[in-house]
Amino acid sequence: MDIIVLVGYTAAVIIGISLGLIGGGGSILTVPVLVYILGLDPVLATAYSLFVVGSTSLVGSFTYMKKQLVDYRTALVFAVPSFIAVFLTRKFIVPALPDPLFDMAGMEVTKSIGIMVLFAIIMLAASYSMIKRNGNAKDEEESVVKFNIPLIALEGIVVGLITGLVGAGGGFLIIPALVLLAKLPMKMAVGTSLLIIAAKSLIGFLGDVANQTIDWKMLLIFTGLSIVGIFIGSSLSKKINEQALKKGFGWFVLIMGFYIITTELISM
C-alpha cells in the first residue's frame, strides 16, 4: 500500500477518534485529509465527506439512543428544512457553480479554491466555538423543551446550505441552536445533533451519486476506519477531561483553517 494512502487511512481513524472524544469537530478534518493527503478534487471530497460524516455520526448516535438522549421531535423540526436545503444544494447549486467563480485583481478564483477557502472559514468558526465554549454548562440539567419553530427551521436551512457546499456536518452550529432555541440539555443536544448530522449528510450524499464517479472501495475503507475510531474515542473519552480536549482540538482546527487559507491563496 502506498505510504500516502496509509497516512490517509490513519487519518480516518483519527477523525473517528476525535468524534468519539468530543462528540463533534472531527468531521471538519475530513475534507482537508481527502484533499491534501489523498489528493481528491475538493468537490468530490465534499461528497465523500458527507458519506463518511453521515455514516460515522449514525453509529455514534446509537449510543445516545440507548441512553434516551435523543429528542426525536426536536430533530424532526430542525432536520426537515435542513434535509431539503442540503439535497438541493448538492443536486443543483454545486454543479451549477461556474468555474472559475470570478476574477479578483487579475487572478482567477476557481470552484475548488472557493470551496476550500469557504471550508477554512467554517473551520475558523468551529475552532472559535470549541475554544470559547463555556465549560460550566450543566449537562444533566433537566429542562422543558420550548420550541421556537421559525428560528429552528431557519437554522436548519442555513446549516443544510453549509453542509451541502463544504461537506461539513455542522455540529458546531446545530448544538448551540438546540441548546439555545429548543432549550435541550447539552448531552441530549449532542445526541440529537448526531442523528440530524447523520440523516442530513447521507441525504446530501444521495444528491451526488448521479453527479460524481464514486470510488466505493476507497470510500468504504475510509468510512470503516473512521467508525473504528469513534469506538476508540468513546472509550478514551471516559479518561480525558472533555473541556480541555475540546479547547486543544479547537486550537488545532484554528491552525488548520489558517493553513488552508494560506495554501489556497498562494496557489492562485
C-alpha atoms as a PDB file:
ATOM      1  CA  MET A   1       0.000   0.000   0.000  1.00  0.00           C
ATOM      2  CA  ASP A   2       1.257   3.477  -0.916  1.00  0.00           C
ATOM      3  CA  ILE A   3       2.584   5.398   2.102  1.00  0.00           C
ATOM      4  CA  ILE A   4       0.348   8.412   1.313  1.00  0.00           C
ATOM      5  CA  VAL A   5      -2.752   6.188   1.224  1.00  0.00           C
ATOM      6  CA  LEU A   6      -1.677   4.618   4.531  1.00  0.00           C
ATOM      7  CA  VAL A   7      -1.328   8.077   6.099  1.00  0.00           C
ATOM      8  CA  GLY A   8      -4.787   8.988   4.776  1.00  0.00           C
ATOM      9  CA  TYR A   9      -6.370   5.868   6.243  1.00  0.00           C
ATOM     10  CA  THR A  10      -4.617   6.508   9.558  1.00  0.00           C
ATOM     11  CA  ALA A  11      -6.107   9.999   9.498  1.00  0.00           C
ATOM     12  CA  ALA A  12      -9.552   8.391   9.021  1.00  0.00           C
ATOM     13  CA  VAL A  13      -9.124   6.600  12.360  1.00  0.00           C
ATOM     14  CA  ILE A  14      -8.047   9.878  13.984  1.00  0.00           C
ATOM     15  CA  ILE A  15     -11.161  11.600  12.606  1.00  0.00           C
ATOM     16  CA  GLY A  16     -13.340   8.920  14.216  1.00  0.00           C
ATOM     17  CA  ILE A  17     -11.413   9.152  17.490  1.00  0.00           C
ATOM     18  CA  SER A  18     -11.954  12.904  17.653  1.00  0.00           C
ATOM     19  CA  LEU A  19     -15.689  12.438  17.025  1.00  0.00           C
ATOM     20  CA  GLY A  20     -15.853   9.849  19.776  1.00  0.00           C
ATOM     21  CA  LEU A  21     -13.854  12.009  22.188  1.00  0.00           C
ATOM     22  CA  ILE A  22     -15.654  15.329  21.849  1.00  0.00           C
ATOM     23  CA  GLY A  23     -18.937  14.476  20.141  1.00  0.00           C
ATOM     24  CA  GLY A  24     -18.152  16.577  17.071  1.00  0.00           C
ATOM     25  CA  GLY A  25     -15.464  18.541  15.306  1.00  0.00           C
ATOM     26  CA  GLY A  26     -13.845  15.526  13.676  1.00  0.00           C
ATOM     27  CA  SER A  27     -15.871  15.966  10.518  1.00  0.00           C
ATOM     28  CA  ILE A  28     -14.185  19.321   9.928  1.00  0.00           C
ATOM     29  CA  LEU A  29     -10.947  17.418   9.227  1.00  0.00           C
ATOM     30  CA  THR A  30     -12.364  15.016   6.655  1.00  0.00           C
ATOM     31  CA  VAL A  31     -12.222  17.325   3.612  1.00  0.00           C
ATOM     32  CA  PRO A  32      -8.624  18.505   4.277  1.00  0.00           C
ATOM     33  CA  VAL A  33      -7.482  14.886   4.665  1.00  0.00           C
ATOM     34  CA  LEU A  34      -9.194  13.835   1.439  1.00  0.00           C
ATOM     35  CA  VAL A  35      -7.859  16.850  -0.492  1.00  0.00           C
ATOM     36  CA  TYR A  36      -4.333  17.368   0.862  1.00  0.00           C
ATOM     37  CA  ILE A  37      -3.359  13.776   1.738  1.00  0.00           C
ATOM     38  CA  LEU A  38      -5.351  11.572  -0.642  1.00  0.00           C
ATOM     39  CA  GLY A  39      -5.338  14.129  -3.462  1.00  0.00           C
ATOM     40  CA  LEU A  40      -9.069  14.232  -4.223  1.00  0.00           C
ATOM     41  CA  ASP A  41     -10.706  17.126  -6.035  1.00  0.00           C
ATOM     42  CA  PRO A  42     -12.392  19.416  -3.439  1.00  0.00           C
ATOM     43  CA  VAL A  43     -15.864  18.988  -4.971  1.00  0.00           C
ATOM     44  CA  LEU A  44     -15.548  15.187  -4.887  1.00  0.00           C
ATOM     45  CA  ALA A  45     -14.004  15.379  -1.389  1.00  0.00           C
ATOM     46  CA  THR A  46     -17.061  17.219  -0.055  1.00  0.00           C
ATOM     47  CA  ALA A  47     -19.253  14.425  -1.438  1.00  0.00           C
ATOM     48  CA  TYR A  48     -17.089  11.747   0.201  1.00  0.00           C
ATOM     49  CA  SER A  49     -17.088  13.748   3.426  1.00  0.00           C
ATOM     50  CA  LEU A  50     -20.896  13.686   3.526  1.00  0.00           C
ATOM     51  CA  PHE A  51     -20.860   9.869   3.396  1.00  0.00           C
ATOM     52  CA  VAL A  52     -18.047   9.491   5.947  1.00  0.00           C
ATOM     53  CA  VAL A  53     -19.538  12.028   8.361  1.00  0.00           C
ATOM     54  CA  GLY A  54     -23.071  10.697   7.932  1.00  0.00           C
ATOM     55  CA  SER A  55     -22.142   7.051   8.487  1.00  0.00           C
ATOM     56  CA  THR A  56     -19.842   7.756  11.446  1.00  0.00           C
ATOM     57  CA  SER A  57     -22.367  10.072  13.118  1.00  0.00           C
ATOM     58  CA  LEU A  58     -25.123   7.482  12.655  1.00  0.00           C
ATOM     59  CA  VAL A  59     -23.069   4.879  14.510  1.00  0.00           C
ATOM     60  CA  GLY A  60     -22.233   7.436  17.215  1.00  0.00           C
ATOM     61  CA  SER A  61     -25.901   8.365  17.653  1.00  0.00           C
ATOM     62  CA  PHE A  62     -26.838   4.781  18.577  1.00  0.00           C
ATOM     63  CA  THR A  63     -25.062   5.177  21.929  1.00  0.00           C
ATOM     64  CA  TYR A  64     -27.169   8.239  22.728  1.00  0.00           C
ATOM     65  CA  MET A  65     -30.351   6.488  21.568  1.00  0.00           C
ATOM     66  CA  LYS A  66     -29.727   3.663  24.033  1.00  0.00           C
ATOM     67  CA  LYS A  67     -29.380   6.227  26.832  1.00  0.00           C
ATOM     68  CA  GLN A  68     -32.558   8.016  25.671  1.00  0.00           C
ATOM     69  CA  LEU A  69     -30.546  11.167  24.961  1.00  0.00           C
ATOM     70  CA  VAL A  70     -32.070  11.880  21.545  1.00  0.00           C
ATOM     71  CA  ASP A  71     -35.082  14.209  21.228  1.00  0.00           C
ATOM     72  CA  TYR A  72     -36.755  12.935  18.065  1.00  0.00           C
ATOM     73  CA  ARG A  73     -39.382  15.700  17.986  1.00  0.00           C
ATOM     74  CA  THR A  74     -36.746  18.441  18.014  1.00  0.00           C
ATOM     75  CA  ALA A  75     -34.689  16.537  15.442  1.00  0.00           C
ATOM     76  CA  LEU A  76     -37.679  16.472  13.103  1.00  0.00           C
ATOM     77  CA  VAL A  77     -38.400  20.211  13.452  1.00  0.00           C
ATOM     78  CA  PHE A  78     -34.754  21.064  12.719  1.00  0.00           C
ATOM     79  CA  ALA A  79     -33.980  18.365  10.201  1.00  0.00           C
ATOM     80  CA  VAL A  80     -36.756  18.623   7.594  1.00  0.00           C
ATOM     81  CA  PRO A  81     -35.762  22.071   6.234  1.00  0.00           C
ATOM     82  CA  SER A  82     -32.092  21.095   6.607  1.00  0.00           C
ATOM     83  CA  PHE A  83     -32.622  17.905   4.572  1.00  0.00           C
ATOM     84  CA  ILE A  84     -34.270  19.870   1.777  1.00  0.00           C
ATOM     85  CA  ALA A  85     -31.532  22.527   1.760  1.00  0.00           C
ATOM     86  CA  VAL A  86     -28.594  20.103   1.679  1.00  0.00           C
ATOM     87  CA  PHE A  87     -30.127  17.887  -1.012  1.00  0.00           C
ATOM     88  CA  LEU A  88     -30.976  20.817  -3.288  1.00  0.00           C
ATOM     89  CA  THR A  89     -27.529  22.349  -2.717  1.00  0.00           C
ATOM     90  CA  ARG A  90     -25.688  19.166  -3.716  1.00  0.00           C
ATOM     91  CA  LYS A  91     -28.055  18.323  -6.557  1.00  0.00           C
ATOM     92  CA  PHE A  92     -28.362  21.726  -8.207  1.00  0.00           C
ATOM     93  CA  ILE A  93     -26.271  24.556  -6.672  1.00  0.00           C
ATOM     94  CA  VAL A  94     -22.825  22.896  -6.526  1.00  0.00           C
ATOM     95  CA  PRO A  95     -22.977  21.513 -10.109  1.00  0.00           C
ATOM     96  CA  ALA A  96     -24.225  24.910 -11.339  1.00  0.00           C
ATOM     97  CA  LEU A  97     -21.360  26.923  -9.817  1.00  0.00           C
ATOM     98  CA  PRO A  98     -19.197  28.430 -12.588  1.00  0.00           C
ATOM     99  CA  ASP A  99     -15.525  27.525 -12.840  1.00  0.00           C
ATOM    100  CA  PRO A 100     -13.758  29.864 -12.334  1.00  0.00           C
ATOM    101  CA  LEU A 101     -16.110  31.521  -9.866  1.00  0.00           C
ATOM    102  CA  PHE A 102     -14.777  35.030 -10.514  1.00  0.00           C
ATOM    103  CA  ASP A 103     -11.657  37.097 -11.180  1.00  0.00           C
ATOM    104  CA  MET A 104     -10.062  39.024  -8.311  1.00  0.00           C
ATOM    105  CA  ALA A 105      -7.333  41.574  -9.117  1.00  0.00           C
ATOM    106  CA  GLY A 106      -6.492  39.664 -12.275  1.00  0.00           C
ATOM    107  CA  MET A 107      -6.402  36.276 -10.517  1.00  0.00           C
ATOM    108  CA  GLU A 108      -8.935  33.530 -11.188  1.00  0.00           C
ATOM    109  CA  VAL A 109     -10.753  32.085  -8.183  1.00  0.00           C
ATOM    110  CA  THR A 110     -11.660  28.542  -9.258  1.00  0.00           C
ATOM    111  CA  LYS A 111     -14.517  26.482  -7.842  1.00  0.00           C
ATOM    112  CA  SER A 112     -12.015  24.257  -5.983  1.00  0.00           C
ATOM    113  CA  ILE A 113     -10.236  27.231  -4.382  1.00  0.00           C
ATOM    114  CA  GLY A 114     -13.559  28.849  -3.468  1.00  0.00           C
ATOM    115  CA  ILE A 115     -14.844  25.683  -1.771  1.00  0.00           C
ATOM    116  CA  MET A 116     -11.621  25.198   0.211  1.00  0.00           C
ATOM    117  CA  VAL A 117     -11.483  28.847   1.353  1.00  0.00           C
ATOM    118  CA  LEU A 118     -15.142  28.703   2.418  1.00  0.00           C
ATOM    119  CA  PHE A 119     -14.374  25.444   4.215  1.00  0.00           C
ATOM    120  CA  ALA A 120     -11.431  27.099   6.004  1.00  0.00           C
ATOM    121  CA  ILE A 121     -13.685  29.946   7.150  1.00  0.00           C
ATOM    122  CA  ILE A 122     -16.116  27.358   8.552  1.00  0.00           C
ATOM    123  CA  MET A 123     -13.147  25.737  10.331  1.00  0.00           C
ATOM    124  CA  LEU A 124     -12.229  29.066  11.930  1.00  0.00           C
ATOM    125  CA  ALA A 125     -15.798  29.480  13.164  1.00  0.00           C
ATOM    126  CA  ALA A 126     -15.764  25.916  14.514  1.00  0.00           C
ATOM    127  CA  SER A 127     -12.460  26.477  16.314  1.00  0.00           C
ATOM    128  CA  TYR A 128     -13.788  29.640  17.978  1.00  0.00           C
ATOM    129  CA  SER A 129     -16.873  27.729  19.131  1.00  0.00           C
ATOM    130  CA  MET A 130     -14.743  24.956  20.672  1.00  0.00           C
ATOM    131  CA  ILE A 131     -12.155  27.259  22.262  1.00  0.00           C
ATOM    132  CA  LYS A 132     -14.688  29.666  23.781  1.00  0.00           C
ATOM    133  CA  ARG A 133     -17.365  27.172  24.814  1.00  0.00           C
ATOM    134  CA  ASN A 134     -18.448  27.624  28.425  1.00  0.00           C
ATOM    135  CA  GLY A 135     -17.395  24.636  30.496  1.00  0.00           C
ATOM    136  CA  ASN A 136     -19.865  25.358  33.283  1.00  0.00           C
ATOM    137  CA  ALA A 137     -22.926  24.036  31.488  1.00  0.00           C
ATOM    138  CA  LYS A 138     -24.889  21.511  33.488  1.00  0.00           C
ATOM    139  CA  ASP A 139     -25.103  18.552  31.177  1.00  0.00           C
ATOM    140  CA  GLU A 140     -27.617  16.711  33.252  1.00  0.00           C
ATOM    141  CA  GLU A 141     -29.884  19.680  33.849  1.00  0.00           C
ATOM    142  CA  GLU A 142     -33.496  18.877  33.123  1.00  0.00           C
ATOM    143  CA  SER A 143     -35.383  21.467  31.152  1.00  0.00           C
ATOM    144  CA  VAL A 144     -38.696  21.759  29.387  1.00  0.00           C
ATOM    145  CA  VAL A 145     -38.262  21.828  25.640  1.00  0.00           C
ATOM    146  CA  LYS A 146     -39.644  25.108  24.288  1.00  0.00           C
ATOM    147  CA  PHE A 147     -39.760  25.331  20.521  1.00  0.00           C
ATOM    148  CA  ASN A 148     -39.037  28.452  18.557  1.00  0.00           C
ATOM    149  CA  ILE A 149     -40.086  26.771  15.330  1.00  0.00           C
ATOM    150  CA  PRO A 150     -39.315  29.578  12.829  1.00  0.00           C
ATOM    151  CA  LEU A 151     -35.785  30.123  14.204  1.00  0.00           C
ATOM    152  CA  ILE A 152     -35.041  26.398  14.435  1.00  0.00           C
ATOM    153  CA  ALA A 153     -36.259  25.888  10.859  1.00  0.00           C
ATOM    154  CA  LEU A 154     -34.172  28.847   9.630  1.00  0.00           C
ATOM    155  CA  GLU A 155     -31.097  27.468  11.386  1.00  0.00           C
ATOM    156  CA  GLY A 156     -31.790  24.123   9.722  1.00  0.00           C
ATOM    157  CA  ILE A 157     -31.825  25.741   6.280  1.00  0.00           C
ATOM    158  CA  VAL A 158     -28.554  27.622   6.947  1.00  0.00           C
ATOM    159  CA  VAL A 159     -26.783  24.509   8.250  1.00  0.00           C
ATOM    160  CA  GLY A 160     -28.108  22.471   5.316  1.00  0.00           C
ATOM    161  CA  LEU A 161     -26.734  25.010   2.846  1.00  0.00           C
ATOM    162  CA  ILE A 162     -23.303  24.995   4.545  1.00  0.00           C
ATOM    163  CA  THR A 163     -23.265  21.198   4.674  1.00  0.00           C
ATOM    164  CA  GLY A 164     -24.134  20.981   1.003  1.00  0.00           C
ATOM    165  CA  LEU A 165     -21.425  23.426  -0.051  1.00  0.00           C
ATOM    166  CA  VAL A 166     -18.464  22.259   2.022  1.00  0.00           C
ATOM    167  CA  GLY A 167     -19.374  18.764   3.261  1.00  0.00           C
ATOM    168  CA  ALA A 168     -19.122  19.630   6.973  1.00  0.00           C
ATOM    169  CA  GLY A 169     -21.638  18.079   9.332  1.00  0.00           C
ATOM    170  CA  GLY A 170     -22.334  21.398  11.037  1.00  0.00           C
ATOM    171  CA  GLY A 171     -22.468  20.076  14.602  1.00  0.00           C
ATOM    172  CA  PHE A 172     -20.837  23.247  15.916  1.00  0.00           C
ATOM    173  CA  LEU A 173     -23.860  25.150  14.529  1.00  0.00           C
ATOM    174  CA  ILE A 174     -26.544  22.578  15.345  1.00  0.00           C
ATOM    175  CA  ILE A 175     -25.673  22.054  19.017  1.00  0.00           C
ATOM    176  CA  PRO A 176     -25.869  25.760  20.020  1.00  0.00           C
ATOM    177  CA  ALA A 177     -29.182  26.021  18.135  1.00  0.00           C
ATOM    178  CA  LEU A 178     -30.648  23.054  20.005  1.00  0.00           C
ATOM    179  CA  VAL A 179     -29.426  24.359  23.373  1.00  0.00           C
ATOM    180  CA  LEU A 180     -30.493  27.981  22.860  1.00  0.00           C
ATOM    181  CA  LEU A 181     -33.603  27.659  20.699  1.00  0.00           C
ATOM    182  CA  ALA A 182     -35.028  24.289  21.788  1.00  0.00           C
ATOM    183  CA  LYS A 183     -33.694  24.513  25.369  1.00  0.00           C
ATOM    184  CA  LEU A 184     -32.252  20.979  25.277  1.00  0.00           C
ATOM    185  CA  PRO A 185     -29.742  19.836  27.932  1.00  0.00           C
ATOM    186  CA  MET A 186     -26.217  19.619  26.499  1.00  0.00           C
ATOM    187  CA  LYS A 187     -25.914  15.823  26.314  1.00  0.00           C
ATOM    188  CA  MET A 188     -29.330  15.495  24.678  1.00  0.00           C
ATOM    189  CA  ALA A 189     -28.356  18.253  22.217  1.00  0.00           C
ATOM    190  CA  VAL A 190     -25.208  16.287  21.265  1.00  0.00           C
ATOM    191  CA  GLY A 191     -27.169  13.052  20.751  1.00  0.00           C
ATOM    192  CA  THR A 192     -29.891  14.802  18.754  1.00  0.00           C
ATOM    193  CA  SER A 193     -27.249  16.612  16.706  1.00  0.00           C
ATOM    194  CA  LEU A 194     -25.511  13.365  15.756  1.00  0.00           C
ATOM    195  CA  LEU A 195     -28.779  11.935  14.446  1.00  0.00           C
ATOM    196  CA  ILE A 196     -29.510  15.114  12.453  1.00  0.00           C
ATOM    197  CA  ILE A 197     -25.969  15.179  11.024  1.00  0.00           C
ATOM    198  CA  ALA A 198     -26.203  11.511  10.033  1.00  0.00           C
ATOM    199  CA  ALA A 199     -29.506  11.841   8.186  1.00  0.00           C
ATOM    200  CA  LYS A 200     -28.681  15.226   6.648  1.00  0.00           C
ATOM    201  CA  SER A 201     -25.240  14.180   5.410  1.00  0.00           C
ATOM    202  CA  LEU A 202     -26.377  10.859   3.932  1.00  0.00           C
ATOM    203  CA  ILE A 203     -29.329  12.502   2.176  1.00  0.00           C
ATOM    204  CA  GLY A 204     -26.950  15.146   0.823  1.00  0.00           C
ATOM    205  CA  PHE A 205     -24.681  12.391  -0.463  1.00  0.00           C
ATOM    206  CA  LEU A 206     -27.599  10.956  -2.456  1.00  0.00           C
ATOM    207  CA  GLY A 207     -27.677  14.224  -4.384  1.00  0.00           C
ATOM    208  CA  ASP A 208     -24.104  13.491  -5.521  1.00  0.00           C
ATOM    209  CA  VAL A 209     -24.425   9.893  -6.664  1.00  0.00           C
ATOM    210  CA  ALA A 210     -25.614  10.898 -10.137  1.00  0.00           C
ATOM    211  CA  ASN A 211     -23.115  13.766 -10.451  1.00  0.00           C
ATOM    212  CA  GLN A 212     -19.880  12.108  -9.252  1.00  0.00           C
ATOM    213  CA  THR A 213     -17.894   8.964 -10.002  1.00  0.00           C
ATOM    214  CA  ILE A 214     -17.577   7.277  -6.605  1.00  0.00           C
ATOM    215  CA  ASP A 215     -14.638   5.015  -5.710  1.00  0.00           C
ATOM    216  CA  TRP A 216     -16.695   2.829  -3.377  1.00  0.00           C
ATOM    217  CA  LYS A 217     -13.801   0.631  -2.256  1.00  0.00           C
ATOM    218  CA  MET A 218     -11.737   3.585  -1.063  1.00  0.00           C
ATOM    219  CA  LEU A 219     -14.768   5.345   0.438  1.00  0.00           C
ATOM    220  CA  LEU A 220     -15.981   2.304   2.393  1.00  0.00           C
ATOM    221  CA  ILE A 221     -12.486   1.550   3.746  1.00  0.00           C
ATOM    222  CA  PHE A 222     -12.066   5.182   4.864  1.00  0.00           C
ATOM    223  CA  THR A 223     -15.535   5.198   6.452  1.00  0.00           C
ATOM    224  CA  GLY A 224     -14.989   1.850   8.184  1.00  0.00           C
ATOM    225  CA  LEU A 225     -11.733   3.073   9.726  1.00  0.00           C
ATOM    226  CA  SER A 226     -13.461   6.249  10.895  1.00  0.00           C
ATOM    227  CA  ILE A 227     -16.172   4.147  12.569  1.00  0.00           C
ATOM    228  CA  VAL A 228     -13.470   2.081  14.308  1.00  0.00           C
ATOM    229  CA  GLY A 229     -12.018   5.377  15.510  1.00  0.00           C
ATOM    230  CA  ILE A 230     -15.294   6.562  17.027  1.00  0.00           C
ATOM    231  CA  PHE A 231     -15.417   3.456  19.241  1.00  0.00           C
ATOM    232  CA  ILE A 232     -11.815   4.075  20.336  1.00  0.00           C
ATOM    233  CA  GLY A 233     -12.607   7.723  21.022  1.00  0.00           C
ATOM    234  CA  SER A 234     -15.708   6.859  23.039  1.00  0.00           C
ATOM    235  CA  SER A 235     -13.612   4.612  25.297  1.00  0.00           C
ATOM    236  CA  LEU A 236     -10.868   7.227  25.692  1.00  0.00           C
ATOM    237  CA  SER A 237     -13.392   9.981  26.473  1.00  0.00           C
ATOM    238  CA  LYS A 238     -14.007   8.487  29.914  1.00  0.00           C
ATOM    239  CA  LYS A 239     -10.355   9.084  30.847  1.00  0.00           C
ATOM    240  CA  ILE A 240      -9.748  12.562  29.395  1.00  0.00           C
ATOM    241  CA  ASN A 241     -11.087  15.944  30.543  1.00  0.00           C
ATOM    242  CA  GLU A 242     -13.634  16.872  27.881  1.00  0.00           C
ATOM    243  CA  GLN A 243     -13.319  20.653  28.108  1.00  0.00           C
ATOM    244  CA  ALA A 244      -9.514  20.623  27.924  1.00  0.00           C
ATOM    245  CA  LEU A 245      -9.704  18.277  24.938  1.00  0.00           C
ATOM    246  CA  LYS A 246     -12.219  20.480  23.114  1.00  0.00           C
ATOM    247  CA  LYS A 247     -10.038  23.557  23.588  1.00  0.00           C
ATOM    248  CA  GLY A 248      -6.942  21.716  22.391  1.00  0.00           C
ATOM    249  CA  PHE A 249      -8.766  20.398  19.352  1.00  0.00           C
ATOM    250  CA  GLY A 250     -10.168  23.881  18.734  1.00  0.00           C
ATOM    251  CA  TRP A 251      -6.655  25.334  18.537  1.00  0.00           C
ATOM    252  CA  PHE A 252      -5.641  22.559  16.132  1.00  0.00           C
ATOM    253  CA  VAL A 253      -8.622  23.295  13.863  1.00  0.00           C
ATOM    254  CA  LEU A 254      -7.770  27.023  14.034  1.00  0.00           C
ATOM    255  CA  ILE A 255      -4.226  26.359  12.790  1.00  0.00           C
ATOM    256  CA  MET A 256      -5.553  24.050  10.051  1.00  0.00           C
ATOM    257  CA  GLY A 257      -8.012  26.717   8.899  1.00  0.00           C
ATOM    258  CA  PHE A 258      -5.285  29.339   8.544  1.00  0.00           C
ATOM    259  CA  TYR A 259      -3.066  26.789   6.766  1.00  0.00           C
ATOM    260  CA  ILE A 260      -5.767  26.009   4.179  1.00  0.00           C
ATOM    261  CA  ILE A 261      -6.493  29.692   3.506  1.00  0.00           C
ATOM    262  CA  THR A 262      -2.774  30.431   3.104  1.00  0.00           C
ATOM    263  CA  THR A 263      -2.207  27.420   0.843  1.00  0.00           C
ATOM    264  CA  GLU A 264      -5.156  28.205  -1.417  1.00  0.00           C
ATOM    265  CA  LEU A 265      -4.347  31.911  -1.719  1.00  0.00           C
ATOM    266  CA  ILE A 266      -0.715  31.152  -2.600  1.00  0.00           C
ATOM    267  CA  SER A 267      -1.871  28.715  -5.301  1.00  0.00           C
ATOM    268  CA  MET A 268      -3.950  31.406  -7.038  1.00  0.00           C
END
